[in-house]
Structures are given as C-alpha cells and as structure tokens.
Amino acid sequence: MRLVHLDLKGAAPRVSYLEQVFPLLSQLGANGILIEYEDMFPFKGELEVLKSPYAYSEEDVEQIQQLAELHKLEVVPLVQTFGHAEFVLKHEKYQHLREVERFPNSFNPHVPDTLTLVKSILSQVMERHRRSAWIHIGADEVFHLGEGTDSKNWMSRNRGDAGTIYLKHIKEVLAFIATQYRGLRVLMWDDMLRKIGVGALRGERMGVAAAAPGPGAWVAPVRVAPVPMAPCCRRCRAWPRCASKASSSPAGRGEGHGTPALPGARVAAAQEAAGWLAPFHRYDHYSALCELLPVAIPSLAICLQTLVNGGFTEETKRKVLEALGFQSMQLEQSTCEGRGTFPGAEIYHMVEQVNGHLKESILKALEEESAIKGWFSPYHRKRQFGNPRNMESFGSKVLKLHEDWESFVRDLRAHLERVYFPDAVEEWMEENVDPYLDPLRDLVRDYR
C-alpha cells in the first residue's frame, strides 16, 4: 500500500480539486488515500457541534470515495481516538472529557463518556465508509497522559503507569471495532507504543499495525516488530511515513517554502518505505497552516515515484517531470523549471512569487528609499504634512508597486478560491500576504 495522507484539519480542498488530483496521484503510484477528516466530516445529531461551517456534506464524502475508486485508490478513514482530539475537546460541551482540564489535546480515558463519544464518532465515520477494509485509529501524541487527576488516582490504586492506561483504552477501542465491524483491519501510529515495553505489549496482545508518524525530521525508516494479533485484526507490517510538504516547523516554513523541498532524508525514507506520504495541513487543530497542497505536489510526486521505483533515478526524475509538466528540476536548490501542467500549478508558481519577492520588494521600497525616510517619515504621516515636491519623487514608484501587488493578489485569491473554502483562503492571506502588503497599503493611503 502506498497511501497519501490527506490531513484535513486545515485548508481542506474542495471536492472539485480532489477530482483533478486523484488521477495524478494514481498516475504517480499511489494506491490509497488515508483521510483524516477532523471537523470536515458531516457529523450529525449530538455530534453536529464538531462540524466546521465548511464541512463536506454526506454527498461530498460519497463522491470522494467514488472518485478514489475510479482511480483505484483505496480509502482508509482516520479517526483520532485518544490524542489530537482538539477539534472535539475545544467545545464546552466536551470539555469535561479532557485528560487535563486546561489542555484540549487528549481524552480522559477514565470517564465513561469518553469511550461513548469515541464510539459515536467511529460509528458515524464508518457509516459513510462501508466499503473500506481498513480503519486508522490515530492514537499518536497523547500529550499529558497520566497527568490528570483521574489518571493519577487510577495509577495509585492499580500500581499502573501511563503505558498501562494507554493500552487499556486502545484495547477498548479495538474491542468495539471487532464487535461492530467484523473483518475491518486496524492501523495506528506507533509513537506511544515505543514507550511501552515489549513484554507489556505481548501481555496485552495488541492487534494492530503500527506506523511511524511525523513530519519532516521523523522520516527515517523504522522497523516495528508485529505484536501478537488479537482475534479482531489480521497480521500486517509497519510502514514509515514520509512528509511530502515542507513542514519542518509548525508554521510550515520548511526548506524551499513554496518549492519542492526534498532533503536527502526524505529521499532515503521514500526509497525504503512501504509506506505513507503525509502532506500535513497543520501540526494540530490550533497551529498555523503548513504548505498548501498544490505547492506540495512536486515533492509528493518525487516521493511517490521514488517509492514505486525503489530510488530516485534519472528514469524516476523523467517520469516526475512528464507527470507534472516541468522541463527540469534541481532537488539541491529545490527548484522546478517550466510552467507545470498539474492541478494547482498556477498556485504553485504564485506562492513562489509571494515567498520569493513580496516581502523583499516592499522592504526595499519602504526601507531603502531615502526620500520616504527624509520627507515622509512616520512623524510626517502621523501629522499629515509634507512637501508635494519631495513626495512626488517617490510617489509614482510606490503607487506602481502597490498596484502591481494588489493585482497579483487578486489573481492569487481567485485561484485559491477555486481550490479552497473561504476560511482557508482568508487564513493563508492573513498569514502570508497581509503582514508584508499591509505596510505598503498604509503608506499609499497616507500618501494619497
């Protein structure tokens, strides 16, 4: 299985864009999609509060699966059942289910309502994915486990530890899946299991396939010995995961930032992986957006073709260039030459312009123009006075720069709106464009 992980906790693409992307992923060698919906799932009833205003409809979810099937991509839904529960625990309705009251990261496994809620979430997701043979239960990064009052009391009474608490909760989740969805195979991330001794794992007879998680620096191939299988799941191996986005920090400002960043570690991981390719949209529900999917496609393409061919050879490179419509690429410089014909290529190039030229050109105009510093300083602007003769010496240049960037941004926004919902477009603009363009806008307003 070569799964592309669609992490939809931020900048979830419209279905119309996925319709364009799925054929490309299949062409590049993917045979499955791991879909982590979070608040993009069309929850209903008691769970409706979890939905984003822009959540997919039930019809959208069905269309996504049909599109995947059309292009021979197996759909694996991912439901976080322990950690990464911010999209649930941020709501006042579920605040009492937090492991530590102050932090909305992880479920408290000692409150009966927690398992009831997890079962409800799993049930609604699986109801819309009846054709899926796999379910991924997440279970990574269960921050602050064992730090809550209930956990401390439980460990004291039972002479247990956080690892025991973790296994107990996961077993309950697995038992529910085994009972309700006979034959459904289960996946989970392995980072929490690494902290638990092999003896304890064997004693609990955990029955899942574990996979090494993580963006950027976490891509080294990991061998995880399969643990003895419980009756609910079949034996399967572990896969490393390779981050295809430039997500080496929570702000997503990785190497290249807008270009196909692919350091040697990612190539090495992709060569040995079995595996996952993970375009992170956010580090968690509260963090800034990472790189946009259209911007990550060249890196994703390289990773997928490296997986398929067992290495990044000249033939691999040729196939990637052909699929993406580029003339050439230099991995060391994280650059691609040519227009590109893949879905979202316009966004790829326009984000490149934002990252490479927006800040630099505006800082040069505002900071290095001596006439602005001498005759239109913050003191002048605040008191609204200046000599028109001196102001005209820089005015036309500043007005032209402002007009050019505003026109460019209008075009960029139009392209983004074809791929993303309004909330993602606004967030990306506020994070990546406005901090640099707003000072220029302010100066032009004062000048006029």
Protein backbone atom coordinates (compact mmCIF):
# COMPACT_ATOMS: atom_id res chain seq x y z
CA MET A 1 0.00 0.00 0.00
CA ARG A 2 1.21 3.48 -0.90
CA LEU A 3 -1.07 5.85 0.95
CA VAL A 4 -1.27 9.61 0.57
CA HIS A 5 -2.42 11.07 3.88
CA LEU A 6 -4.98 13.86 3.41
CA ASP A 7 -4.89 15.65 6.75
CA LEU A 8 -7.97 17.87 6.53
CA LYS A 9 -7.64 19.77 9.81
CA GLY A 10 -6.68 22.85 7.80
CA ALA A 11 -7.03 24.04 4.19
CA ALA A 12 -9.21 21.11 3.18
CA PRO A 13 -9.54 21.15 -0.62
CA ARG A 14 -12.86 21.32 -2.40
CA VAL A 15 -14.06 18.02 -3.88
CA SER A 16 -13.71 19.55 -7.36
CA TYR A 17 -9.96 19.87 -6.75
CA LEU A 18 -9.65 16.31 -5.44
CA GLU A 19 -11.35 15.23 -8.65
CA GLN A 20 -8.37 16.69 -10.52
CA VAL A 21 -5.71 15.45 -8.10
CA PHE A 22 -6.74 11.80 -7.67
CA PRO A 23 -5.88 10.80 -11.28
CA LEU A 24 -2.44 12.36 -10.82
CA LEU A 25 -1.83 10.52 -7.53
CA SER A 26 -2.79 7.25 -9.18
CA GLN A 27 -0.55 8.00 -12.16
CA LEU A 28 2.36 8.71 -9.79
CA GLY A 29 1.96 5.39 -7.99
CA ALA A 30 -0.38 5.92 -5.04
CA ASN A 31 -2.94 3.17 -4.47
CA GLY A 32 -4.68 4.53 -1.41
CA ILE A 33 -5.86 7.66 0.40
CA LEU A 34 -5.69 7.98 4.18
CA ILE A 35 -8.36 10.58 5.02
CA GLU A 36 -8.21 12.36 8.38
CA TYR A 37 -11.40 14.42 8.37
CA GLU A 38 -11.45 16.01 11.85
CA ASP A 39 -14.07 18.81 11.65
CA MET A 40 -14.55 18.40 7.88
CA PHE A 41 -16.73 15.32 8.39
CA PRO A 42 -20.53 15.84 8.17
CA PHE A 43 -21.26 14.87 11.77
CA LYS A 44 -24.92 14.89 12.71
CA GLY A 45 -27.15 14.64 15.76
CA GLU A 46 -25.31 15.02 19.07
CA LEU A 47 -22.01 15.37 17.19
CA GLU A 48 -23.08 18.18 14.88
CA VAL A 49 -21.24 20.72 17.05
CA LEU A 50 -17.96 19.20 15.81
CA LYS A 51 -18.58 20.26 12.20
CA SER A 52 -16.78 23.12 10.53
CA PRO A 53 -19.07 25.60 8.76
CA TYR A 54 -17.38 24.38 5.55
CA ALA A 55 -17.52 20.65 6.34
CA TYR A 56 -18.06 18.23 3.49
CA SER A 57 -21.64 17.04 3.02
CA GLU A 58 -22.59 13.37 3.05
CA GLU A 59 -22.80 13.58 -0.73
CA ASP A 60 -19.27 15.02 -0.82
CA VAL A 61 -17.91 12.12 1.25
CA GLU A 62 -19.56 9.64 -1.08
CA GLN A 63 -18.23 11.46 -4.14
CA ILE A 64 -14.69 11.44 -2.70
CA GLN A 65 -14.91 7.66 -2.31
CA GLN A 66 -16.32 7.19 -5.81
CA LEU A 67 -13.55 9.32 -7.28
CA ALA A 68 -10.97 7.30 -5.33
CA GLU A 69 -12.44 4.02 -6.56
CA LEU A 70 -12.50 5.33 -10.12
CA HIS A 71 -8.75 5.83 -9.93
CA LYS A 72 -8.03 2.62 -7.96
CA LEU A 73 -7.25 4.43 -4.71
CA GLU A 74 -8.26 2.53 -1.58
CA VAL A 75 -9.87 4.80 1.02
CA VAL A 76 -8.75 4.44 4.65
CA PRO A 77 -10.56 6.79 7.07
CA LEU A 78 -8.55 8.03 10.07
CA VAL A 79 -10.35 8.80 13.33
CA GLN A 80 -8.33 10.11 16.26
CA THR A 81 -9.41 8.07 19.30
CA PHE A 82 -7.08 9.32 22.06
CA GLY A 83 -4.73 12.22 21.29
CA HIS A 84 -5.10 15.02 18.74
CA ALA A 85 -8.67 15.50 19.94
CA GLU A 86 -8.58 19.31 19.89
CA PHE A 87 -11.38 19.56 17.35
CA VAL A 88 -13.60 17.76 19.90
CA LEU A 89 -12.28 18.95 23.25
CA LYS A 90 -12.21 22.65 22.32
CA HIS A 91 -16.02 22.64 22.64
CA GLU A 92 -17.51 23.46 26.03
CA LYS A 93 -19.87 20.50 25.57
CA TYR A 94 -16.92 18.08 25.76
CA GLN A 95 -14.52 19.98 27.99
CA HIS A 96 -15.18 17.57 30.87
CA LEU A 97 -13.59 14.78 28.79
CA ARG A 98 -10.10 16.32 28.79
CA GLU A 99 -7.25 14.40 30.43
CA VAL A 100 -6.02 17.72 31.89
CA GLU A 101 -8.73 20.34 32.18
CA ARG A 102 -6.54 23.20 30.87
CA PHE A 103 -5.44 21.39 27.71
CA PRO A 104 -7.76 20.32 24.86
CA ASN A 105 -5.29 17.76 23.45
CA SER A 106 -6.20 14.33 24.79
CA PHE A 107 -9.20 12.38 26.03
CA ASN A 108 -9.56 11.31 29.65
CA PRO A 109 -9.88 7.51 29.30
CA HIS A 110 -11.31 7.08 32.80
CA VAL A 111 -14.57 8.92 32.14
CA PRO A 112 -17.15 6.52 30.65
CA ASP A 113 -18.46 9.28 28.40
CA THR A 114 -15.11 9.31 26.58
CA LEU A 115 -15.48 5.82 25.16
CA THR A 116 -19.14 6.51 24.39
CA LEU A 117 -18.13 9.59 22.39
CA VAL A 118 -15.28 7.82 20.58
CA LYS A 119 -17.66 5.02 19.60
CA SER A 120 -20.17 7.56 18.27
CA ILE A 121 -17.50 9.29 16.17
CA LEU A 122 -16.21 5.99 14.81
CA SER A 123 -19.75 4.82 14.05
CA GLN A 124 -20.68 7.93 12.08
CA VAL A 125 -17.44 7.83 10.07
CA MET A 126 -17.73 4.10 9.33
CA GLU A 127 -21.39 4.52 8.38
CA ARG A 128 -20.15 6.66 5.49
CA HIS A 129 -17.26 4.30 4.66
CA ARG A 130 -18.92 0.90 4.49
CA ARG A 131 -16.70 -0.16 1.60
CA SER A 132 -13.44 0.49 3.47
CA ALA A 133 -11.46 -2.56 4.57
CA TRP A 134 -9.26 -0.54 6.93
CA ILE A 135 -9.75 1.98 9.75
CA HIS A 136 -6.92 4.05 11.23
CA ILE A 137 -7.43 4.95 14.91
CA GLY A 138 -4.63 7.53 15.17
CA ALA A 139 -3.63 7.23 18.85
CA ASP A 140 -0.40 9.20 18.47
CA GLU A 141 0.94 12.02 20.65
CA VAL A 142 -1.40 11.53 23.59
CA PHE A 143 0.01 14.55 25.37
CA HIS A 144 -0.29 14.80 29.17
CA LEU A 145 -1.47 11.19 29.53
CA GLY A 146 -1.16 10.25 33.19
CA GLU A 147 -1.08 13.85 34.37
CA GLY A 148 -4.81 14.23 35.01
CA THR A 149 -6.30 13.72 38.46
CA ASP A 150 -8.26 10.64 37.37
CA SER A 151 -5.16 9.06 35.86
CA LYS A 152 -3.07 9.73 38.95
CA ASN A 153 -5.72 8.18 41.16
CA TRP A 154 -6.01 5.16 38.84
CA MET A 155 -2.25 4.59 38.77
CA SER A 156 -2.09 4.84 42.55
CA ARG A 157 -4.90 2.33 43.07
CA ASN A 158 -3.74 -0.12 40.40
CA ARG A 159 0.03 0.30 40.64
CA GLY A 160 -0.01 1.06 36.93
CA ASP A 161 1.60 3.64 34.68
CA ALA A 162 0.67 5.79 31.69
CA GLY A 163 1.52 2.93 29.32
CA THR A 164 -0.97 0.66 31.03
CA ILE A 165 -3.64 3.35 30.80
CA TYR A 166 -2.87 3.78 27.10
CA LEU A 167 -3.14 0.07 26.31
CA LYS A 168 -6.34 -0.29 28.31
CA HIS A 169 -8.07 2.45 26.32
CA ILE A 170 -6.80 1.20 22.94
CA LYS A 171 -7.99 -2.33 23.75
CA GLU A 172 -11.46 -0.97 24.48
CA VAL A 173 -11.49 0.87 21.15
CA LEU A 174 -10.32 -2.27 19.33
CA ALA A 175 -12.91 -4.42 21.08
CA PHE A 176 -15.66 -2.09 19.88
CA ILE A 177 -14.37 -2.21 16.30
CA ALA A 178 -14.01 -6.00 16.39
CA THR A 179 -17.57 -6.39 17.64
CA GLN A 180 -19.25 -3.85 15.38
CA TYR A 181 -17.20 -4.21 12.21
CA ARG A 182 -16.09 -7.81 11.89
CA GLY A 183 -13.18 -8.19 9.47
CA LEU A 184 -12.27 -4.48 9.49
CA ARG A 185 -8.50 -4.13 9.77
CA VAL A 186 -6.99 -1.55 12.12
CA LEU A 187 -3.98 0.75 11.79
CA MET A 188 -2.46 3.14 14.33
CA TRP A 189 0.64 5.27 14.75
CA ASP A 190 3.42 3.71 16.82
CA ASP A 191 5.00 6.54 18.82
CA MET A 192 3.12 5.81 22.05
CA LEU A 193 3.76 2.06 21.71
CA ARG A 194 7.51 2.74 21.56
CA LYS A 195 7.36 3.97 25.16
CA ILE A 196 5.88 0.68 26.35
CA GLY A 197 7.98 -2.43 26.96
CA VAL A 198 7.71 -5.35 24.56
CA GLY A 199 6.68 -7.60 27.44
CA ALA A 200 3.74 -5.35 28.28
CA LEU A 201 2.68 -5.26 24.63
CA ARG A 202 2.79 -9.05 24.34
CA GLY A 203 0.86 -9.37 27.56
CA GLU A 204 -1.89 -7.14 26.22
CA ARG A 205 -1.95 -8.94 22.84
CA MET A 206 -2.32 -5.73 20.86
CA GLY A 207 -3.68 -6.45 17.40
CA VAL A 208 -2.91 -3.54 15.14
CA ALA A 209 -0.41 -2.48 12.53
CA ALA A 210 1.73 0.37 13.81
CA ALA A 211 3.24 3.07 11.65
CA ALA A 212 5.95 5.61 12.37
CA PRO A 213 4.39 9.09 12.35
CA GLY A 214 5.65 12.56 11.89
CA PRO A 215 6.62 15.40 9.58
CA GLY A 216 10.00 16.43 8.26
CA ALA A 217 12.58 15.11 10.67
CA TRP A 218 10.63 11.98 11.57
CA VAL A 219 11.00 10.18 8.28
CA ALA A 220 13.79 7.68 8.96
CA PRO A 221 12.53 4.16 8.23
CA VAL A 222 11.52 2.34 11.37
CA ARG A 223 11.15 -1.40 11.82
CA VAL A 224 8.41 -2.29 14.26
CA ALA A 225 8.06 -5.98 15.08
CA PRO A 226 4.42 -7.05 14.69
CA VAL A 227 2.89 -7.68 18.10
CA PRO A 228 0.83 -10.83 18.68
CA MET A 229 -2.53 -10.46 16.96
CA ALA A 230 -5.79 -10.35 18.82
CA PRO A 231 -8.74 -12.05 17.08
CA CYS A 232 -10.09 -8.70 15.88
CA CYS A 233 -7.28 -7.90 13.45
CA ARG A 234 -5.07 -9.56 10.89
CA ARG A 235 -1.30 -9.50 10.97
CA CYS A 236 0.33 -6.73 8.99
CA ARG A 237 3.61 -4.82 8.95
CA ALA A 238 4.61 -1.32 9.93
CA TRP A 239 5.22 1.48 7.47
CA PRO A 240 7.35 4.58 7.87
CA ARG A 241 5.80 7.86 6.84
CA CYS A 242 7.45 10.45 4.63
CA ALA A 243 6.40 14.12 4.85
CA SER A 244 5.89 15.50 1.37
CA LYS A 245 5.17 19.04 2.48
CA ALA A 246 7.79 21.50 3.64
CA SER A 247 6.53 21.15 7.18
CA SER A 248 9.69 21.28 9.25
CA SER A 249 8.09 23.72 11.70
CA PRO A 250 4.53 24.32 12.96
CA ALA A 251 4.32 27.39 10.70
CA GLY A 252 5.07 25.19 7.70
CA ARG A 253 8.01 27.34 6.66
CA GLY A 254 10.18 24.44 5.59
CA GLU A 255 13.04 24.22 3.18
CA GLY A 256 12.03 25.76 -0.11
CA HIS A 257 8.71 27.08 1.23
CA GLY A 258 6.84 27.06 -2.00
CA THR A 259 9.20 24.82 -3.91
CA PRO A 260 9.54 21.04 -3.87
CA ALA A 261 11.71 20.78 -0.79
CA LEU A 262 13.12 17.27 -0.63
CA PRO A 263 16.22 16.86 1.57
CA GLY A 264 18.18 13.63 1.35
CA ALA A 265 16.46 12.19 4.45
CA ARG A 266 13.11 12.27 2.67
CA VAL A 267 14.53 10.60 -0.42
CA ALA A 268 16.17 7.91 1.73
CA ALA A 269 12.95 7.34 3.63
CA ALA A 270 10.91 7.15 0.46
CA GLN A 271 13.34 4.63 -1.04
CA GLU A 272 12.88 2.23 1.88
CA ALA A 273 9.28 2.98 2.79
CA ALA A 274 6.31 0.78 2.07
CA GLY A 275 4.57 3.49 3.01
CA TRP A 276 2.82 6.66 3.91
CA LEU A 277 3.22 10.09 2.33
CA ALA A 278 1.92 12.75 4.62
CA PRO A 279 1.07 16.28 3.49
CA PHE A 280 0.38 17.94 6.86
CA HIS A 281 -2.14 20.75 6.69
CA ARG A 282 -1.49 21.70 10.32
CA TYR A 283 0.58 20.27 13.15
CA ASP A 284 -2.58 20.31 15.23
CA HIS A 285 -6.02 21.91 15.22
CA TYR A 286 -4.67 25.16 16.72
CA SER A 287 -1.46 25.64 14.72
CA ALA A 288 -0.85 27.76 11.64
CA LEU A 289 -1.32 26.28 8.20
CA CYS A 290 1.56 24.31 6.72
CA GLU A 291 2.26 24.34 2.99
CA LEU A 292 -0.72 24.27 0.64
CA LEU A 293 -1.40 21.03 -1.21
CA PRO A 294 -0.80 22.41 -4.75
CA VAL A 295 2.59 23.71 -3.57
CA ALA A 296 3.48 20.29 -2.13
CA ILE A 297 2.56 18.28 -5.22
CA PRO A 298 6.06 18.31 -6.81
CA SER A 299 7.58 16.97 -3.59
CA LEU A 300 4.76 14.46 -3.25
CA ALA A 301 5.32 13.33 -6.84
CA ILE A 302 9.02 12.79 -6.20
CA CYS A 303 8.31 10.77 -3.04
CA LEU A 304 5.70 8.59 -4.74
CA GLN A 305 7.84 7.83 -7.76
CA THR A 306 10.82 7.11 -5.50
CA LEU A 307 8.67 4.62 -3.63
CA VAL A 308 7.50 2.97 -6.84
CA ASN A 309 10.95 2.74 -8.43
CA GLY A 310 12.99 1.96 -5.33
CA GLY A 311 15.18 5.03 -5.68
CA PHE A 312 15.40 8.48 -7.23
CA THR A 313 16.96 7.56 -10.56
CA GLU A 314 17.13 9.53 -13.78
CA GLU A 315 14.18 7.48 -15.02
CA THR A 316 12.24 8.42 -11.87
CA LYS A 317 13.05 12.07 -12.46
CA ARG A 318 11.93 11.82 -16.09
CA LYS A 319 8.58 10.33 -15.09
CA VAL A 320 8.01 13.04 -12.47
CA LEU A 321 8.79 15.82 -14.96
CA GLU A 322 6.46 14.25 -17.51
CA ALA A 323 3.62 13.88 -14.99
CA LEU A 324 3.97 17.45 -13.70
CA GLY A 325 4.73 19.18 -16.99
CA PHE A 326 8.04 20.67 -15.84
CA GLN A 327 11.14 20.94 -18.02
CA SER A 328 13.69 20.29 -15.28
CA MET A 329 14.16 20.24 -11.52
CA GLN A 330 17.07 20.62 -9.13
CA LEU A 331 16.48 18.92 -5.79
CA GLU A 332 19.50 20.54 -4.14
CA GLN A 333 18.16 24.02 -4.94
CA SER A 334 14.50 22.99 -4.53
CA THR A 335 13.63 24.47 -7.90
CA CYS A 336 11.48 23.41 -10.85
CA GLU A 337 11.75 24.92 -14.32
CA GLY A 338 8.73 25.29 -16.58
CA ARG A 339 5.06 26.20 -16.27
CA GLY A 340 3.78 22.89 -14.95
CA THR A 341 0.53 21.27 -16.04
CA PHE A 342 -0.56 19.61 -12.78
CA PRO A 343 -3.71 20.73 -10.91
CA GLY A 344 -2.88 23.89 -8.99
CA ALA A 345 0.31 24.69 -10.90
CA GLU A 346 -0.74 28.36 -11.02
CA ILE A 347 -0.92 28.43 -7.21
CA TYR A 348 2.48 26.72 -7.01
CA HIS A 349 4.10 29.50 -9.05
CA MET A 350 2.19 32.35 -7.41
CA VAL A 351 3.09 31.16 -3.91
CA GLU A 352 6.67 31.02 -5.13
CA GLN A 353 6.35 34.70 -6.08
CA VAL A 354 4.90 35.59 -2.68
CA ASN A 355 7.67 33.76 -0.83
CA GLY A 356 10.48 34.95 -3.06
CA HIS A 357 9.60 38.55 -3.93
CA LEU A 358 6.70 40.11 -1.99
CA LYS A 359 8.49 40.86 1.27
CA GLU A 360 11.79 41.73 -0.41
CA SER A 361 10.31 44.19 -2.91
CA ILE A 362 8.21 46.03 -0.33
CA LEU A 363 11.01 46.26 2.24
CA LYS A 364 13.28 47.63 -0.45
CA ALA A 365 10.75 50.30 -1.40
CA LEU A 366 9.91 51.34 2.16
CA GLU A 367 13.23 50.93 3.93
CA GLU A 368 15.78 51.86 1.28
CA GLU A 369 14.03 54.83 -0.36
CA SER A 370 15.79 57.85 1.16
CA ALA A 371 13.06 60.27 0.03
CA ILE A 372 10.49 58.36 2.10
CA LYS A 373 12.70 58.39 5.17
CA GLY A 374 13.56 62.05 4.71
CA TRP A 375 10.24 63.59 3.67
CA PHE A 376 7.54 61.06 4.53
CA SER A 377 8.58 59.57 7.85
CA PRO A 378 6.12 58.19 10.44
CA TYR A 379 6.27 61.64 12.08
CA HIS A 380 5.10 63.33 8.85
CA ARG A 381 2.44 60.70 8.22
CA LYS A 382 1.03 60.89 11.72
CA ARG A 383 0.64 64.70 11.45
CA GLN A 384 -0.39 64.65 7.80
CA PHE A 385 2.06 67.14 6.37
CA GLY A 386 4.74 67.04 3.70
CA ASN A 387 6.15 68.88 0.72
CA PRO A 388 4.44 67.67 -2.52
CA ARG A 389 7.63 68.37 -4.47
CA ASN A 390 9.58 65.86 -2.41
CA MET A 391 6.71 63.36 -2.12
CA GLU A 392 6.33 63.19 -5.88
CA SER A 393 9.92 61.97 -6.16
CA PHE A 394 8.92 58.57 -4.79
CA GLY A 395 5.13 58.56 -5.24
CA SER A 396 4.83 57.05 -8.72
CA LYS A 397 7.20 54.22 -7.85
CA VAL A 398 5.32 53.32 -4.65
CA LEU A 399 1.91 53.59 -6.31
CA LYS A 400 3.06 51.32 -9.15
CA LEU A 401 4.45 48.73 -6.73
CA HIS A 402 1.19 48.79 -4.77
CA GLU A 403 -0.96 48.48 -7.89
CA ASP A 404 1.12 45.55 -9.24
CA TRP A 405 0.96 43.56 -5.99
CA GLU A 406 -2.75 44.22 -5.44
CA SER A 407 -3.47 42.96 -8.96
CA PHE A 408 -1.31 39.91 -8.35
CA VAL A 409 -3.02 39.16 -5.04
CA ARG A 410 -6.47 39.42 -6.64
CA ASP A 411 -5.43 36.78 -9.16
CA LEU A 412 -3.93 34.58 -6.44
CA ARG A 413 -7.08 34.85 -4.36
CA ALA A 414 -9.20 33.84 -7.34
CA HIS A 415 -7.07 30.73 -7.91
CA LEU A 416 -7.14 29.83 -4.21
CA GLU A 417 -10.91 30.18 -4.05
CA ARG A 418 -11.27 27.58 -6.79
CA VAL A 419 -9.38 25.07 -4.62
CA TYR A 420 -10.21 26.08 -1.04
CA PHE A 421 -13.10 27.26 1.09
CA PRO A 422 -13.23 30.95 2.18
CA ASP A 423 -11.87 30.37 5.69
CA ALA A 424 -8.67 28.75 4.38
CA VAL A 425 -8.16 31.49 1.77
CA GLU A 426 -8.53 34.23 4.39
CA GLU A 427 -6.21 32.49 6.82
CA TRP A 428 -3.50 31.95 4.22
CA MET A 429 -3.72 35.55 3.04
CA GLU A 430 -3.58 36.94 6.56
CA GLU A 431 -0.59 34.77 7.44
CA ASN A 432 1.45 35.08 4.23
CA VAL A 433 0.45 38.21 2.33
CA ASP A 434 -1.02 40.83 4.66
CA PRO A 435 1.99 41.16 7.03
CA TYR A 436 4.04 42.47 4.07
CA LEU A 437 1.42 44.14 1.91
CA ASP A 438 -0.36 46.00 4.74
CA PRO A 439 2.55 48.38 5.46
CA LEU A 440 2.62 49.30 1.77
CA ARG A 441 -1.16 49.77 1.78
CA ASP A 442 -0.87 52.05 4.82
CA LEU A 443 1.83 54.16 3.22
CA VAL A 444 -0.16 54.55 -0.01
CA ARG A 445 -3.24 55.55 1.99
CA ASP A 446 -1.27 58.21 3.87
CA TYR A 447 0.40 59.39 0.65
CA ARG A 448 -2.93 59.88 -1.06
